Protein backbone atom coordinates (compact mmCIF):
# COMPACT_ATOMS: atom_id res chain seq x y z
CA MET A 1 73.27 131.84 114.93
CA LYS A 2 76.52 129.87 114.81
CA SER A 3 79.63 131.40 113.26
CA ARG A 4 79.59 129.06 110.29
CA GLU A 5 75.96 129.89 109.41
CA ARG A 6 76.67 133.60 109.87
CA VAL A 7 79.65 133.56 107.51
CA ILE A 8 77.87 131.49 104.86
CA ALA A 9 75.02 134.01 104.83
CA VAL A 10 77.34 137.01 104.51
CA LEU A 11 79.36 135.36 101.72
CA ASP A 12 76.07 134.78 99.89
CA HIS A 13 75.28 138.51 100.20
CA GLN A 14 72.62 138.01 102.84
CA GLU A 15 72.21 139.72 106.21
CA PRO A 16 72.59 137.30 109.14
CA ASP A 17 72.18 138.21 112.82
CA CYS A 18 75.44 140.20 112.88
CA VAL A 19 78.62 141.02 110.95
CA PRO A 20 81.24 138.23 111.16
CA LEU A 21 84.59 139.07 112.78
CA ASP A 22 88.02 137.79 111.76
CA PHE A 23 91.52 137.98 113.23
CA VAL A 24 93.31 134.94 111.77
CA GLY A 25 94.87 133.87 108.49
CA GLY A 26 98.10 135.86 108.26
CA THR A 27 96.91 138.97 106.41
CA SER A 28 94.46 140.49 108.91
CA SER A 29 96.27 139.14 111.91
CA ILE A 30 98.84 140.68 114.26
CA THR A 31 102.60 140.91 114.50
CA LEU A 32 104.38 138.79 117.09
CA GLN A 33 105.44 141.82 119.12
CA ALA A 34 101.95 143.32 119.28
CA TYR A 35 100.48 139.94 120.23
CA VAL A 36 102.97 139.47 123.07
CA LYS A 37 102.06 142.92 124.41
CA LEU A 38 98.36 142.09 124.12
CA LYS A 39 98.69 138.86 126.08
CA ARG A 40 100.76 140.56 128.78
CA TYR A 41 98.17 143.32 129.06
CA LEU A 42 95.47 140.68 129.50
CA GLY A 43 97.60 138.95 132.12
CA TRP A 44 97.83 135.78 130.03
CA ALA A 45 100.98 133.69 129.57
CA TRP A 46 102.57 132.84 126.24
CA GLU A 47 101.59 129.27 125.32
CA ALA A 48 104.47 127.80 123.30
CA ASN A 49 102.39 124.86 122.09
CA ILE A 50 99.55 127.12 120.91
CA ASP A 51 100.89 130.61 120.17
CA LYS A 52 102.91 130.22 116.96
CA TYR A 53 104.21 132.75 114.47
CA ASP A 54 105.38 132.40 110.88
CA SER A 55 108.53 133.43 109.00
CA TRP A 56 107.10 136.97 108.63
CA ASN A 57 106.89 137.34 112.44
CA VAL A 58 103.10 137.35 112.17
CA MET A 59 100.92 135.18 114.36
CA ALA A 60 99.81 131.98 112.65
CA THR A 61 97.95 130.35 115.56
CA PHE A 62 96.32 131.92 118.60
CA ASP A 63 95.40 131.23 122.17
CA PRO A 64 91.72 130.19 121.86
CA GLY A 65 90.98 132.51 124.77
CA VAL A 66 91.96 135.52 122.66
CA LEU A 67 89.66 134.43 119.85
CA ARG A 68 86.79 133.87 122.26
CA LEU A 69 87.38 137.23 123.95
CA PHE A 70 87.04 139.01 120.61
CA ASP A 71 84.13 136.85 119.34
CA ILE A 72 86.10 135.76 116.27
CA ASP A 73 83.97 133.69 113.90
CA PHE A 74 86.80 132.07 111.93
CA ARG A 75 89.26 129.31 112.64
CA CYS A 76 92.11 128.68 110.23
CA VAL A 77 93.77 125.48 108.96
CA GLY A 78 96.83 125.09 106.80
CA LEU A 79 99.57 122.79 105.58
CA ARG A 80 102.24 121.79 108.07
CA PRO A 81 106.01 121.94 107.42
CA PRO A 82 107.37 118.70 105.93
CA ALA A 83 108.31 116.09 108.52
CA GLY A 84 111.76 116.83 109.91
CA TRP A 85 112.11 120.05 107.94
CA ARG A 86 114.23 122.83 109.41
CA PRO A 87 115.20 126.12 107.77
CA LYS A 88 118.80 126.28 106.61
CA THR A 89 120.57 128.97 108.61
CA TYR A 90 123.78 130.93 107.97
CA PRO A 91 126.29 132.63 110.30
CA ASP A 92 125.02 136.10 109.33
CA GLY A 93 121.56 135.22 110.68
CA THR A 94 119.89 134.72 107.31
CA PHE A 95 117.89 131.56 106.68
CA ILE A 96 116.28 129.73 103.77
CA ASP A 97 112.54 129.12 104.01
CA GLU A 98 110.41 126.40 102.37
CA TRP A 99 110.13 128.38 99.14
CA GLY A 100 113.90 128.71 98.84
CA LEU A 101 113.76 132.37 99.81
CA ARG A 102 116.75 133.63 101.75
CA ARG A 103 115.46 135.85 104.53
CA LYS A 104 117.40 138.35 106.60
CA PRO A 105 115.92 139.22 110.01
CA SER A 106 115.40 142.97 110.32
CA PRO A 107 117.23 144.80 113.13
CA ASN A 108 113.96 145.68 114.90
CA GLY A 109 112.59 142.15 114.72
CA LEU A 110 109.72 142.98 112.38
CA TYR A 111 109.26 141.66 108.86
CA ASN A 112 112.26 139.84 107.44
CA GLU A 113 114.06 141.25 104.44
CA ILE A 114 114.29 138.97 101.39
CA VAL A 115 117.56 138.29 99.59
CA PRO A 116 116.63 137.26 95.99
CA THR A 117 117.93 133.72 95.54
CA LEU A 118 117.22 133.57 91.78
CA GLU A 119 118.64 136.99 91.02
CA GLY A 120 121.58 135.49 89.14
CA ALA A 121 119.54 132.98 87.11
CA VAL A 122 119.98 133.34 83.35
CA GLU A 123 118.44 130.20 81.83
CA LYS A 124 115.18 128.29 82.20
CA ASN A 125 117.17 125.33 83.53
CA ASP A 126 118.09 127.49 86.52
CA ILE A 127 114.37 127.66 87.30
CA GLU A 128 113.80 123.92 86.96
CA ASN A 129 116.84 123.12 89.11
CA PHE A 130 115.72 125.42 91.93
CA PRO A 131 114.67 123.61 95.18
CA TRP A 132 110.93 124.24 94.95
CA PRO A 133 108.54 123.07 97.70
CA ASP A 134 107.25 119.53 97.27
CA PRO A 135 103.40 119.62 97.30
CA HIS A 136 103.40 115.96 98.33
CA ALA A 137 106.07 116.09 101.03
CA PHE A 138 105.57 113.68 103.89
CA GLY A 139 103.92 115.18 106.96
CA ILE A 140 102.40 118.34 105.48
CA THR A 141 98.82 117.13 106.02
CA ASN A 142 99.29 115.38 109.38
CA GLY A 143 96.09 115.74 111.41
CA LEU A 144 94.74 118.38 109.04
CA GLN A 145 91.48 116.70 108.04
CA THR A 146 90.59 115.84 111.63
CA GLU A 147 91.27 119.41 112.74
CA ALA A 148 89.09 120.89 109.99
CA ARG A 149 86.24 118.44 110.62
CA GLU A 150 86.23 119.14 114.37
CA LEU A 151 86.19 122.90 113.77
CA GLU A 152 83.26 122.58 111.39
CA GLU A 153 81.37 120.33 113.80
CA ALA A 154 81.92 122.93 116.54
CA GLY A 155 80.16 125.51 114.38
CA TRP A 156 83.13 127.69 113.42
CA ALA A 157 83.64 129.18 109.98
CA VAL A 158 86.73 127.43 108.61
CA SER A 159 89.22 129.04 106.25
CA THR A 160 92.64 128.05 105.00
CA SER A 161 95.85 129.89 105.60
CA HIS A 162 97.95 130.90 102.60
CA THR A 163 100.26 128.31 101.02
CA GLY A 164 103.06 130.86 100.60
CA GLY A 165 103.33 134.09 98.63
CA GLY A 166 101.33 135.04 95.56
CA ILE A 167 102.37 134.13 92.03
CA PHE A 168 103.55 137.65 91.14
CA GLU A 169 105.16 138.48 94.47
CA LEU A 170 107.02 135.16 94.68
CA ALA A 171 108.50 135.89 91.26
CA TRP A 172 109.93 139.21 92.34
CA TRP A 173 110.88 138.01 95.80
CA LEU A 174 112.98 135.33 94.12
CA ARG A 175 114.27 137.51 91.31
CA GLY A 176 114.35 141.00 92.83
CA PHE A 177 111.63 143.51 91.98
CA SER A 178 113.52 145.64 89.43
CA LYS A 179 115.02 142.62 87.74
CA PHE A 180 111.70 140.81 87.39
CA ILE A 181 109.98 143.91 85.96
CA LYS A 182 112.85 144.13 83.49
CA ASP A 183 112.36 140.43 82.66
CA MET A 184 108.74 141.08 81.69
CA TYR A 185 109.87 143.67 79.14
CA GLU A 186 113.22 142.32 77.93
CA ASN A 187 113.14 138.59 78.64
CA PRO A 188 109.46 137.59 78.62
CA SER A 189 110.14 133.91 77.97
CA PHE A 190 112.13 133.74 81.22
CA ALA A 191 109.40 135.63 83.09
CA ASP A 192 106.80 133.22 81.68
CA ALA A 193 108.86 130.18 82.71
CA LEU A 194 109.28 131.48 86.27
CA LEU A 195 105.60 132.38 86.64
CA ASP A 196 104.53 129.03 85.18
CA LYS A 197 106.69 127.13 87.65
CA ILE A 198 105.38 129.12 90.62
CA THR A 199 101.81 128.56 89.40
CA GLU A 200 102.44 124.82 89.03
CA VAL A 201 103.83 124.50 92.56
CA THR A 202 101.10 126.70 94.04
CA ILE A 203 98.34 124.65 92.42
CA GLY A 204 100.05 121.50 93.69
CA LEU A 205 100.00 122.82 97.25
CA TYR A 206 96.32 123.81 97.02
CA ASP A 207 95.57 120.40 95.51
CA THR A 208 97.07 118.72 98.56
CA LEU A 209 95.40 121.13 100.98
CA LEU A 210 91.93 120.98 99.43
CA GLY A 211 92.14 117.23 99.04
CA GLU A 212 92.21 117.09 102.84
CA VAL A 213 89.91 119.92 103.89
CA GLY A 214 87.97 121.16 100.84
CA ASP A 215 84.66 119.79 102.13
CA TYR A 216 84.90 121.66 105.45
CA LEU A 217 85.77 125.16 104.25
CA GLN A 218 83.86 128.39 103.86
CA MET A 219 86.80 130.40 102.51
CA VAL A 220 90.12 129.65 100.77
CA ARG A 221 92.73 132.33 101.32
CA THR A 222 94.89 133.39 98.38
CA GLY A 223 96.73 136.61 97.65
CA ASP A 224 99.28 138.57 95.68
CA ASP A 225 100.42 142.07 96.60
CA LEU A 226 99.61 144.17 93.54
CA GLY A 227 99.37 147.68 94.96
CA SER A 228 101.32 150.51 96.53
CA GLN A 229 99.77 153.32 98.59
CA ILE A 230 98.99 155.29 95.43
CA GLY A 231 98.32 152.73 92.70
CA PRO A 232 99.06 149.28 91.24
CA LEU A 233 102.68 148.12 91.23
CA ILE A 234 102.44 147.23 87.55
CA SER A 235 100.26 148.45 84.70
CA GLN A 236 96.99 146.81 83.76
CA THR A 237 98.68 145.75 80.52
CA LEU A 238 101.42 143.84 82.33
CA TYR A 239 98.95 142.40 84.84
CA ARG A 240 96.65 141.13 82.09
CA LYS A 241 99.50 139.72 80.01
CA PHE A 242 101.57 137.96 82.69
CA ILE A 243 99.67 137.62 85.96
CA LYS A 244 95.93 137.48 85.29
CA PRO A 245 96.03 134.23 83.24
CA ARG A 246 97.95 132.49 86.05
CA HIS A 247 95.58 133.85 88.69
CA LYS A 248 92.65 132.55 86.63
CA LYS A 249 94.26 129.12 86.32
CA LEU A 250 94.72 128.95 90.10
CA PHE A 251 91.23 130.24 90.93
CA ASP A 252 89.58 127.90 88.41
CA PHE A 253 91.41 125.00 90.03
CA ILE A 254 90.34 126.02 93.55
CA HIS A 255 86.71 126.43 92.48
CA SER A 256 86.85 122.96 90.93
CA ARG A 257 87.93 121.41 94.25
CA THR A 258 85.70 123.13 96.81
CA GLU A 259 82.47 125.10 97.18
CA ALA A 260 84.28 127.56 99.45
CA LYS A 261 84.66 131.17 98.39
CA ILE A 262 88.00 132.53 97.15
CA TYR A 263 89.48 135.25 99.36
CA PHE A 264 92.14 137.36 97.67
CA HIS A 265 94.57 139.55 99.60
CA SER A 266 96.36 142.50 98.07
CA ASP A 267 97.72 145.53 99.82
CA GLY A 268 97.31 149.00 98.53
CA ALA A 269 95.56 150.94 95.80
CA ILE A 270 94.30 148.19 93.50
CA GLU A 271 90.92 149.64 92.47
CA PRO A 272 91.91 149.65 88.76
CA LEU A 273 92.34 145.85 88.94
CA ILE A 274 89.20 144.93 90.89
CA ASN A 275 87.05 144.23 87.83
CA ASP A 276 89.77 141.90 86.54
CA LEU A 277 89.84 140.04 89.85
CA ILE A 278 86.07 139.62 89.91
CA GLU A 279 86.12 138.41 86.30
CA ILE A 280 88.53 135.56 87.12
CA GLY A 281 86.72 134.32 90.20
CA VAL A 282 87.62 136.34 93.30
CA ASP A 283 84.73 136.29 95.78
CA VAL A 284 86.19 138.15 98.79
CA LEU A 285 88.64 141.06 98.64
CA ASN A 286 91.06 141.82 101.50
CA PRO A 287 92.24 144.04 103.18
CA ILE A 288 90.43 147.17 101.89
CA GLN A 289 93.15 149.58 102.98
CA PRO A 290 91.04 152.72 103.49
CA LEU A 291 93.90 155.26 103.29
CA ALA A 292 95.21 153.95 99.96
CA ARG A 293 94.24 155.92 96.87
CA GLY A 294 90.87 154.93 95.42
CA MET A 295 90.10 152.43 98.20
CA ASP A 296 87.36 154.33 100.03
CA PRO A 297 85.18 151.52 101.42
CA SER A 298 81.89 153.32 100.80
CA ALA A 299 82.72 153.91 97.14
CA LEU A 300 83.92 150.32 96.67
CA LYS A 301 80.70 148.96 98.18
CA LYS A 302 78.57 151.04 95.82
CA LYS A 303 80.60 150.07 92.76
CA TYR A 304 81.34 146.39 93.45
CA GLY A 305 79.18 145.31 96.38
CA ASP A 306 76.73 143.27 94.31
CA ARG A 307 79.59 141.15 92.92
CA LEU A 308 82.18 141.13 95.68
CA CYS A 309 82.44 140.61 99.43
CA PHE A 310 84.79 142.76 101.49
CA HIS A 311 87.10 141.65 104.30
CA GLY A 312 89.06 144.01 106.55
CA GLY A 313 88.64 147.76 106.30
CA ILE A 314 89.71 148.89 109.80
CA ASP A 315 92.59 151.34 109.36
CA ILE A 316 95.87 150.11 110.87
CA GLN A 317 97.99 153.00 109.62
CA LYS A 318 96.62 155.87 111.73
CA VAL A 319 93.45 155.17 113.68
CA LEU A 320 94.32 151.84 115.30
CA PRO A 321 97.88 152.68 116.44
CA TYR A 322 97.40 156.37 117.26
CA GLY A 323 93.69 156.99 117.78
CA SER A 324 91.74 157.11 121.03
CA PRO A 325 89.22 154.39 121.93
CA GLN A 326 86.52 156.81 120.76
CA ASP A 327 88.29 157.27 117.41
CA ILE A 328 88.44 153.50 117.03
CA SER A 329 84.78 153.11 117.91
CA GLU A 330 83.84 155.68 115.25
CA GLU A 331 86.05 153.89 112.69
CA VAL A 332 84.33 150.57 113.37
CA LYS A 333 80.86 152.13 113.26
CA LYS A 334 81.63 153.83 109.93
CA ARG A 335 83.04 150.70 108.27
CA ILE A 336 80.04 148.65 109.32
CA GLY A 337 77.71 151.37 108.07
CA ASP A 338 79.53 151.54 104.73
CA LEU A 339 80.14 147.87 104.04
CA ALA A 340 77.67 145.71 105.95
CA PRO A 341 74.26 146.54 104.37
CA GLY A 342 72.99 143.65 102.28
CA GLY A 343 75.67 141.30 103.63
CA GLY A 344 79.07 140.85 102.01
CA TYR A 345 81.26 142.23 104.82
CA ILE A 346 83.61 140.53 107.28
CA LEU A 347 85.12 142.97 109.77
CA ALA A 348 88.87 142.71 110.40
CA PRO A 349 91.97 144.90 110.52
CA ALA A 350 93.11 146.26 107.15
CA HIS A 351 96.21 144.04 107.33
CA ASN A 352 98.26 142.79 110.26
CA ILE A 353 98.13 144.90 113.44
CA GLN A 354 101.56 146.44 113.87
CA VAL A 355 103.93 146.61 116.83
CA ASP A 356 103.11 150.26 117.62
CA THR A 357 99.45 149.50 118.34
CA PRO A 358 98.58 149.63 122.07
CA PRO A 359 96.80 146.56 123.45
CA GLN A 360 94.01 148.82 124.74
CA ASN A 361 93.26 149.87 121.16
CA ILE A 362 93.04 146.28 119.92
CA ILE A 363 90.57 145.53 122.68
CA ALA A 364 88.66 148.73 121.82
CA LEU A 365 88.42 147.57 118.18
CA TYR A 366 86.68 144.32 119.02
CA GLU A 367 84.57 145.81 121.80
CA ALA A 368 83.24 148.34 119.28
CA ALA A 369 82.73 145.57 116.73
CA LYS A 370 80.61 143.62 119.19
CA LYS A 371 78.62 146.78 119.96
CA TYR A 372 77.81 147.74 116.37
CA ARG A 373 77.86 144.43 114.49
CA LYS A 374 74.20 143.47 114.87
CA TYR A 375 71.93 143.83 111.87
CA LYS A 376 68.68 145.64 112.53
CA LYS A 377 65.73 143.51 111.56
């Protein structure tokens, strides 16, 4: 069975020959540092024209040999930077990305800190005058349709990468978390204006992306970090008032442009919001962080498995960085046993593999996946 057929079956809640595997897309991927260590361990050189990482220091494209070694079923396509675009840099090392976010590299070279560039905004005009990404910028679709068509013809499952942050998280990245939460209570018209603008730009980017590749996709990646380790970052009331209507508008638009399933990424303990996400069109939930409160994969499968597919699930907080190969094998076996019956499960790390994860453990993860992934007929 080819990867594309396998993934289509699983997304339709059917059991194919085996569980699909993923390792691309920016939210179940790997940090730059861990990837470099993995390639060195394998004795493979860094390929500057192939191995590329994003502004979060997470791998965006991979050596095809790595993907073949791990039997990865997905290949990922996404918008390019505008022609001639370069991030604006400052003497202190900070830089401005395509969304106008000022990022400060962390001392240890991991995720960049964000300096809120709209923190001082006071009027709606400040939002309109902000340098938002241009969804129609020259060069952002160069070669994209050809790439997606060739991947589909080769039998891979094709998904998109993300177009940036989520609607909610972009708002508080730009505004500052405390300030944006305060906006929702004390200045709701400003919060609405900011969220509406982000939604408009996001839909514009997906419009451009899906106009090029919508016919070749099995999965469209979206996301919005809504959870902490112990619960949602905001109440259900705030989510339903401010965020859910914008999510629905985006998901309705995506479903109108492609038959692909909508994948939604959110870290943390978001079980109280899962019914809301299903209601507005989410088909696949990532990353199923098993150590977060209320996110036990077995319980989620029993409660939502007839309406939702699951993506991820392999613990990156304890087992993958600190466990033995046997521990990792047992983790993989358990997740497949909990989530795979009846289809609806794509195995992947429960977020990006971190720098403290030994290469041997990454290899053990996918070796175990290949061992246990077959469905019993």
